[in-house]
């Protein structure tokens, strides 16, 4: 029986550090049951190319931060370390038509605890970028 591929993040700047990922990779049982693939910003486009055409992506969470794991802050998409336009373009080119949502959002003064204002902004940003990609496709 073919082992499934399991994507494991390099860590979450707001919580789990890369040391937890390293520790998980040291468990023999993990390797016996699956093929673990460590995913981080440098590998996102490769993972899209590999898994989207196979129909193995059901939902995409977008998040951006400024800084590094040692010192970072949540920020709005496009204001941090990666290019969400590049990610959304690659998703579209690979045939992804599923759900794309924000993940963590920066805290705004007077926003709700869940960040309704920040999430509304992020979702508008994502929808605007998706609409622009559709528009550019229609023009070509």
N, C-alpha and C. Protein backbone atom coordinates (compact mmCIF):
# COMPACT_ATOMS: atom_id res chain seq x y z
N UNK A 1 0.84 -1.18 0.00
CA UNK A 1 0.00 0.00 0.00
C UNK A 1 0.89 1.25 0.00
N UNK A 2 0.53 2.18 -0.84
CA UNK A 2 1.30 3.42 -0.95
C UNK A 2 1.02 4.31 0.26
N UNK A 3 2.09 4.86 0.83
CA UNK A 3 1.94 5.74 1.99
C UNK A 3 1.43 7.11 1.56
N UNK A 4 0.55 7.72 2.37
CA UNK A 4 0.10 9.08 2.06
C UNK A 4 1.21 10.09 2.38
N UNK A 5 1.16 11.21 1.67
CA UNK A 5 2.08 12.31 1.95
C UNK A 5 1.42 13.21 2.97
N UNK A 6 2.17 13.57 4.02
CA UNK A 6 1.66 14.45 5.07
C UNK A 6 2.48 15.72 5.08
N UNK A 7 1.84 16.87 4.78
CA UNK A 7 2.53 18.16 4.83
C UNK A 7 2.56 18.63 6.28
N UNK A 8 3.74 19.00 6.75
CA UNK A 8 3.94 19.48 8.12
C UNK A 8 4.57 20.87 8.02
N UNK A 9 3.99 21.84 8.70
CA UNK A 9 4.55 23.19 8.64
C UNK A 9 5.85 23.26 9.42
N UNK A 10 6.67 24.24 9.06
CA UNK A 10 7.94 24.46 9.75
C UNK A 10 7.70 25.07 11.12
N UNK A 11 6.47 25.38 11.42
CA UNK A 11 6.13 25.99 12.69
C UNK A 11 5.17 27.14 12.48
N UNK A 12 4.63 27.62 13.54
CA UNK A 12 3.69 28.72 13.52
C UNK A 12 4.28 29.85 14.36
N UNK A 13 4.58 30.99 13.74
CA UNK A 13 5.20 32.06 14.50
C UNK A 13 4.39 32.48 15.73
N UNK A 14 3.10 32.20 15.73
CA UNK A 14 2.26 32.59 16.86
C UNK A 14 2.13 31.47 17.89
N UNK A 15 2.87 30.39 17.71
CA UNK A 15 2.69 29.30 18.67
C UNK A 15 3.78 28.25 18.56
N UNK A 16 3.56 27.24 17.73
CA UNK A 16 4.46 26.10 17.63
C UNK A 16 5.73 26.51 16.88
N UNK A 17 6.87 26.28 17.49
CA UNK A 17 8.14 26.61 16.86
C UNK A 17 8.67 25.45 16.04
N UNK A 18 9.71 25.69 15.24
CA UNK A 18 10.26 24.64 14.39
C UNK A 18 10.84 23.47 15.18
N UNK A 19 11.15 23.70 16.45
CA UNK A 19 11.69 22.60 17.26
C UNK A 19 10.65 21.49 17.44
N UNK A 20 9.37 21.84 17.43
CA UNK A 20 8.32 20.82 17.55
C UNK A 20 8.26 19.98 16.27
N UNK A 21 8.44 20.64 15.13
CA UNK A 21 8.47 19.92 13.86
C UNK A 21 9.64 18.95 13.84
N UNK A 22 10.80 19.41 14.26
CA UNK A 22 12.00 18.55 14.30
C UNK A 22 11.75 17.35 15.21
N UNK A 23 11.15 17.61 16.35
CA UNK A 23 10.86 16.52 17.30
C UNK A 23 9.90 15.50 16.68
N UNK A 24 8.87 15.99 16.00
CA UNK A 24 7.90 15.09 15.37
C UNK A 24 8.57 14.21 14.31
N UNK A 25 9.50 14.79 13.56
CA UNK A 25 10.18 14.04 12.50
C UNK A 25 11.10 12.95 13.04
N UNK A 26 11.39 12.98 14.32
CA UNK A 26 12.26 11.98 14.92
C UNK A 26 11.51 10.71 15.34
N UNK A 27 10.18 10.71 15.22
CA UNK A 27 9.39 9.54 15.61
C UNK A 27 9.30 8.54 14.45
N UNK A 28 9.79 7.35 14.69
CA UNK A 28 9.79 6.29 13.68
C UNK A 28 8.38 6.01 13.17
N UNK A 29 7.40 6.06 14.07
CA UNK A 29 6.02 5.75 13.69
C UNK A 29 5.51 6.67 12.58
N UNK A 30 5.94 7.92 12.62
CA UNK A 30 5.53 8.88 11.58
C UNK A 30 6.00 8.39 10.22
N UNK A 31 7.25 8.00 10.12
CA UNK A 31 7.84 7.55 8.86
C UNK A 31 7.25 6.22 8.40
N UNK A 32 6.79 5.40 9.34
CA UNK A 32 6.19 4.12 8.98
C UNK A 32 4.81 4.29 8.36
N UNK A 33 4.10 5.35 8.76
CA UNK A 33 2.71 5.53 8.32
C UNK A 33 2.52 6.50 7.17
N UNK A 34 3.53 7.36 6.91
CA UNK A 34 3.35 8.35 5.86
C UNK A 34 4.70 8.84 5.34
N UNK A 35 4.65 9.69 4.34
CA UNK A 35 5.84 10.37 3.84
C UNK A 35 5.70 11.83 4.27
N UNK A 36 6.42 12.23 5.32
CA UNK A 36 6.29 13.61 5.78
C UNK A 36 7.05 14.58 4.87
N UNK A 37 6.42 15.70 4.58
CA UNK A 37 7.04 16.76 3.78
C UNK A 37 6.93 18.04 4.60
N UNK A 38 8.07 18.65 4.91
CA UNK A 38 8.07 19.88 5.69
C UNK A 38 7.80 21.05 4.74
N UNK A 39 6.81 21.86 5.10
CA UNK A 39 6.37 22.96 4.25
C UNK A 39 6.61 24.28 4.94
N UNK A 40 7.19 25.21 4.24
CA UNK A 40 7.39 26.57 4.73
C UNK A 40 7.35 27.52 3.55
N UNK A 41 7.47 28.77 3.79
CA UNK A 41 7.33 29.79 2.75
C UNK A 41 8.13 29.48 1.49
N UNK A 42 9.38 29.05 1.60
CA UNK A 42 10.13 28.78 0.37
C UNK A 42 9.54 27.64 -0.47
N UNK A 43 8.72 26.80 0.14
CA UNK A 43 8.22 25.62 -0.55
C UNK A 43 6.74 25.71 -0.94
N UNK A 44 6.10 26.79 -0.64
CA UNK A 44 4.66 26.90 -0.88
C UNK A 44 4.32 26.69 -2.35
N UNK A 45 5.04 27.36 -3.25
CA UNK A 45 4.73 27.23 -4.67
C UNK A 45 4.96 25.81 -5.17
N UNK A 46 6.01 25.16 -4.68
CA UNK A 46 6.26 23.76 -5.04
C UNK A 46 5.13 22.86 -4.55
N UNK A 47 4.65 23.11 -3.35
CA UNK A 47 3.56 22.29 -2.81
C UNK A 47 2.27 22.51 -3.61
N UNK A 48 2.03 23.74 -4.04
CA UNK A 48 0.86 24.01 -4.88
C UNK A 48 0.99 23.22 -6.18
N UNK A 49 2.16 23.28 -6.82
CA UNK A 49 2.38 22.56 -8.08
C UNK A 49 2.21 21.05 -7.91
N UNK A 50 2.58 20.53 -6.76
CA UNK A 50 2.52 19.10 -6.53
C UNK A 50 1.12 18.62 -6.17
N UNK A 51 0.44 19.32 -5.26
CA UNK A 51 -0.79 18.78 -4.70
C UNK A 51 -2.08 19.30 -5.31
N UNK A 52 -2.11 20.52 -5.82
CA UNK A 52 -3.36 21.05 -6.39
C UNK A 52 -3.79 20.27 -7.63
N UNK A 53 -2.90 20.03 -8.60
CA UNK A 53 -3.35 19.27 -9.78
C UNK A 53 -3.87 17.86 -9.46
N UNK A 54 -3.46 17.31 -8.33
CA UNK A 54 -3.91 15.97 -7.93
C UNK A 54 -5.21 16.02 -7.12
N UNK A 55 -5.72 17.24 -6.90
CA UNK A 55 -6.95 17.38 -6.12
C UNK A 55 -6.75 17.13 -4.64
N UNK A 56 -5.55 17.36 -4.12
CA UNK A 56 -5.23 17.05 -2.72
C UNK A 56 -5.29 18.26 -1.80
N UNK A 57 -5.79 19.39 -2.28
CA UNK A 57 -5.91 20.59 -1.45
C UNK A 57 -7.39 20.93 -1.36
N UNK A 58 -7.91 20.98 -0.13
CA UNK A 58 -9.34 21.25 0.04
C UNK A 58 -9.64 22.65 0.56
N UNK A 59 -8.67 23.27 1.22
CA UNK A 59 -8.87 24.63 1.74
C UNK A 59 -7.49 25.27 1.89
N UNK A 60 -7.42 26.56 1.60
CA UNK A 60 -6.17 27.30 1.70
C UNK A 60 -6.35 28.41 2.73
N UNK A 61 -5.44 28.46 3.70
CA UNK A 61 -5.41 29.53 4.70
C UNK A 61 -4.23 30.42 4.36
N UNK A 62 -4.47 31.72 4.22
CA UNK A 62 -3.38 32.66 3.95
C UNK A 62 -3.07 33.45 5.21
N UNK A 63 -1.79 33.62 5.47
CA UNK A 63 -1.32 34.38 6.63
C UNK A 63 -0.03 35.09 6.23
N UNK A 64 0.20 36.25 6.80
CA UNK A 64 1.45 36.96 6.55
C UNK A 64 1.98 37.52 7.86
N UNK A 65 3.28 37.53 7.99
CA UNK A 65 3.93 38.12 9.15
C UNK A 65 5.12 38.94 8.68
N UNK A 66 5.51 39.89 9.49
CA UNK A 66 6.74 40.65 9.27
C UNK A 66 7.76 40.15 10.27
N UNK A 67 8.98 39.91 9.81
CA UNK A 67 10.03 39.47 10.71
C UNK A 67 10.33 37.99 10.57
N UNK A 68 10.92 37.45 11.63
CA UNK A 68 11.31 36.04 11.65
C UNK A 68 10.67 35.36 12.85
N UNK A 69 10.88 34.08 12.97
CA UNK A 69 10.27 33.34 14.07
C UNK A 69 10.73 33.85 15.43
N UNK A 70 11.94 34.39 15.50
CA UNK A 70 12.44 34.92 16.75
C UNK A 70 11.77 36.25 17.11
N UNK A 71 11.41 37.03 16.11
CA UNK A 71 10.82 38.35 16.34
C UNK A 71 9.91 38.67 15.16
N UNK A 72 8.63 38.59 15.36
CA UNK A 72 7.68 38.79 14.27
C UNK A 72 6.45 39.51 14.78
N UNK A 73 5.64 39.96 13.82
CA UNK A 73 4.31 40.47 14.15
C UNK A 73 3.38 40.12 13.01
N UNK A 74 2.14 39.78 13.38
CA UNK A 74 1.12 39.51 12.38
C UNK A 74 0.89 40.79 11.59
N UNK A 75 0.61 40.64 10.31
CA UNK A 75 0.31 41.81 9.48
C UNK A 75 -0.72 41.42 8.43
N UNK A 76 -1.22 42.41 7.72
CA UNK A 76 -2.17 42.13 6.66
C UNK A 76 -1.46 41.47 5.49
N UNK A 77 -2.21 40.70 4.72
CA UNK A 77 -1.65 40.04 3.54
C UNK A 77 -0.99 41.07 2.63
N UNK A 78 0.20 40.73 2.18
CA UNK A 78 0.93 41.62 1.29
C UNK A 78 1.84 42.61 1.99
N UNK A 79 1.70 42.72 3.30
CA UNK A 79 2.54 43.65 4.06
C UNK A 79 3.73 42.96 4.72
N UNK A 80 3.87 41.67 4.50
CA UNK A 80 4.90 40.92 5.22
C UNK A 80 5.91 40.24 4.33
N UNK A 81 6.24 39.00 4.70
CA UNK A 81 7.37 38.28 4.12
C UNK A 81 7.06 37.54 2.82
N UNK A 82 5.83 37.44 2.42
CA UNK A 82 5.55 36.70 1.19
C UNK A 82 4.61 37.47 0.29
N UNK A 83 4.49 36.99 -0.94
CA UNK A 83 3.70 37.65 -1.97
C UNK A 83 2.41 36.86 -2.21
N UNK A 84 1.29 37.29 -1.61
CA UNK A 84 0.05 36.53 -1.79
C UNK A 84 -0.43 36.52 -3.24
N UNK A 85 -0.09 37.53 -4.02
CA UNK A 85 -0.48 37.53 -5.44
C UNK A 85 0.17 36.37 -6.17
N UNK A 86 1.40 36.08 -5.84
CA UNK A 86 2.12 34.97 -6.46
C UNK A 86 1.46 33.64 -6.08
N UNK A 87 1.07 33.51 -4.81
CA UNK A 87 0.43 32.28 -4.34
C UNK A 87 -0.94 32.10 -5.01
N UNK A 88 -1.76 33.15 -5.02
CA UNK A 88 -3.09 33.04 -5.63
C UNK A 88 -3.00 32.79 -7.14
N UNK A 89 -2.02 33.41 -7.80
CA UNK A 89 -1.82 33.17 -9.23
C UNK A 89 -1.47 31.72 -9.49
N UNK A 90 -0.57 31.17 -8.67
CA UNK A 90 -0.17 29.78 -8.86
C UNK A 90 -1.34 28.83 -8.58
N UNK A 91 -2.12 29.12 -7.54
CA UNK A 91 -3.30 28.29 -7.26
C UNK A 91 -4.23 28.26 -8.46
N UNK A 92 -4.49 29.43 -9.05
CA UNK A 92 -5.39 29.52 -10.20
C UNK A 92 -4.83 28.76 -11.39
N UNK A 93 -3.54 28.95 -11.67
CA UNK A 93 -2.92 28.27 -12.82
C UNK A 93 -2.92 26.76 -12.67
N UNK A 94 -2.89 26.29 -11.43
CA UNK A 94 -2.91 24.84 -11.18
C UNK A 94 -4.32 24.27 -11.11
N UNK A 95 -5.33 25.14 -11.28
CA UNK A 95 -6.71 24.67 -11.33
C UNK A 95 -7.44 24.65 -10.01
N UNK A 96 -6.90 25.29 -8.99
CA UNK A 96 -7.59 25.29 -7.69
C UNK A 96 -8.80 26.21 -7.75
N UNK A 97 -9.95 25.69 -7.34
CA UNK A 97 -11.17 26.53 -7.29
C UNK A 97 -11.90 26.35 -5.97
N UNK A 98 -11.15 26.02 -4.94
CA UNK A 98 -11.74 25.80 -3.62
C UNK A 98 -11.72 27.06 -2.76
N UNK A 99 -11.84 26.85 -1.49
CA UNK A 99 -11.95 27.93 -0.51
C UNK A 99 -10.58 28.50 -0.20
N UNK A 100 -10.50 29.83 -0.18
CA UNK A 100 -9.29 30.54 0.25
C UNK A 100 -9.75 31.53 1.32
N UNK A 101 -9.18 31.39 2.53
CA UNK A 101 -9.57 32.27 3.63
C UNK A 101 -8.33 32.80 4.34
N UNK A 102 -8.54 33.82 5.16
CA UNK A 102 -7.45 34.31 5.99
C UNK A 102 -7.21 33.31 7.12
N UNK A 103 -6.05 33.44 7.73
CA UNK A 103 -5.73 32.60 8.88
C UNK A 103 -5.68 33.52 10.09
N UNK A 104 -4.52 33.92 10.52
CA UNK A 104 -4.42 34.90 11.60
C UNK A 104 -4.47 36.29 10.99
N UNK A 105 -4.99 37.24 11.73
CA UNK A 105 -5.02 38.63 11.27
C UNK A 105 -4.42 39.51 12.37
N UNK A 106 -3.91 40.68 12.00
CA UNK A 106 -3.36 41.56 13.03
C UNK A 106 -4.47 42.12 13.90
N UNK A 107 -4.13 42.44 15.14
CA UNK A 107 -5.09 43.03 16.05
C UNK A 107 -5.27 44.51 15.72
N UNK A 108 -6.52 44.94 15.67
CA UNK A 108 -6.84 46.35 15.44
C UNK A 108 -7.51 46.90 16.69
N UNK A 109 -7.16 48.10 17.08
CA UNK A 109 -7.79 48.75 18.23
C UNK A 109 -9.30 48.83 17.99
N UNK A 110 -10.07 48.52 19.00
CA UNK A 110 -11.54 48.57 18.97
C UNK A 110 -12.18 47.50 18.08
N UNK A 111 -11.40 46.53 17.59
CA UNK A 111 -11.97 45.43 16.84
C UNK A 111 -12.49 44.39 17.83
N UNK A 112 -13.29 43.45 17.37
CA UNK A 112 -13.76 42.38 18.25
C UNK A 112 -12.60 41.43 18.55
N UNK A 113 -12.81 40.59 19.54
CA UNK A 113 -11.77 39.62 19.92
C UNK A 113 -11.41 38.70 18.76
N UNK A 114 -12.38 38.36 17.93
CA UNK A 114 -12.16 37.49 16.78
C UNK A 114 -11.57 38.26 15.61
N UNK A 115 -11.59 39.58 15.66
CA UNK A 115 -11.01 40.39 14.60
C UNK A 115 -11.91 40.57 13.40
N UNK A 116 -13.20 40.85 13.65
CA UNK A 116 -14.14 40.96 12.53
C UNK A 116 -13.75 42.01 11.50
N UNK A 117 -13.28 43.16 11.95
CA UNK A 117 -12.90 44.21 11.00
C UNK A 117 -11.67 43.78 10.21
N UNK A 118 -10.67 43.26 10.89
CA UNK A 118 -9.46 42.81 10.21
C UNK A 118 -9.77 41.68 9.24
N UNK A 119 -10.63 40.75 9.65
CA UNK A 119 -11.00 39.63 8.76
C UNK A 119 -11.81 40.11 7.56
N UNK A 120 -12.68 41.09 7.77
CA UNK A 120 -13.44 41.64 6.64
C UNK A 120 -12.48 42.26 5.62
N UNK A 121 -11.49 42.99 6.13
CA UNK A 121 -10.49 43.57 5.24
C UNK A 121 -9.74 42.48 4.47
N UNK A 122 -9.26 41.46 5.19
CA UNK A 122 -8.50 40.38 4.56
C UNK A 122 -9.32 39.64 3.52
N UNK A 123 -10.58 39.34 3.86
CA UNK A 123 -11.42 38.62 2.90
C UNK A 123 -11.71 39.47 1.67
N UNK A 124 -11.88 40.78 1.85
CA UNK A 124 -12.05 41.68 0.71
C UNK A 124 -10.80 41.71 -0.15
N UNK A 125 -9.64 41.70 0.49
CA UNK A 125 -8.35 41.68 -0.21
C UNK A 125 -8.25 40.41 -1.06
N UNK A 126 -8.56 39.26 -0.45
CA UNK A 126 -8.48 37.98 -1.17
C UNK A 126 -9.46 37.97 -2.33
N UNK A 127 -10.70 38.38 -2.10
CA UNK A 127 -11.70 38.37 -3.17
C UNK A 127 -11.31 39.34 -4.29
N UNK A 128 -10.75 40.50 -3.93
CA UNK A 128 -10.31 41.45 -4.94
C UNK A 128 -9.20 40.89 -5.80
N UNK A 129 -8.25 40.20 -5.16
CA UNK A 129 -7.16 39.60 -5.94
C UNK A 129 -7.68 38.49 -6.85
N UNK A 130 -8.59 37.68 -6.34
CA UNK A 130 -9.17 36.62 -7.18
C UNK A 130 -9.94 37.21 -8.36
N UNK A 131 -10.69 38.29 -8.13
CA UNK A 131 -11.43 38.94 -9.20
C UNK A 131 -10.47 39.53 -10.24
N UNK A 132 -9.36 40.10 -9.79
CA UNK A 132 -8.37 40.65 -10.72
C UNK A 132 -7.75 39.54 -11.57
N UNK A 133 -7.47 38.40 -10.98
CA UNK A 133 -6.94 37.28 -11.75
C UNK A 133 -7.94 36.83 -12.81
N UNK A 134 -9.21 36.75 -12.45
CA UNK A 134 -10.25 36.38 -13.42
C UNK A 134 -10.32 37.41 -14.55
N UNK A 135 -10.24 38.69 -14.19
CA UNK A 135 -10.29 39.77 -15.17
C UNK A 135 -9.11 39.67 -16.14
N UNK A 136 -7.91 39.46 -15.61
CA UNK A 136 -6.73 39.36 -16.46
C UNK A 136 -6.81 38.15 -17.39
N UNK A 137 -7.36 37.04 -16.89
CA UNK A 137 -7.55 35.87 -17.74
C UNK A 137 -8.51 36.17 -18.88
N UNK A 138 -9.59 36.90 -18.59
CA UNK A 138 -10.58 37.22 -19.61
C UNK A 138 -10.01 38.17 -20.66
N UNK A 139 -9.03 38.99 -20.28
CA UNK A 139 -8.43 39.93 -21.21
C UNK A 139 -7.39 39.28 -22.14
N UNK A 140 -6.88 38.12 -21.75
CA UNK A 140 -5.83 37.50 -22.57
C UNK A 140 -6.37 36.48 -23.53
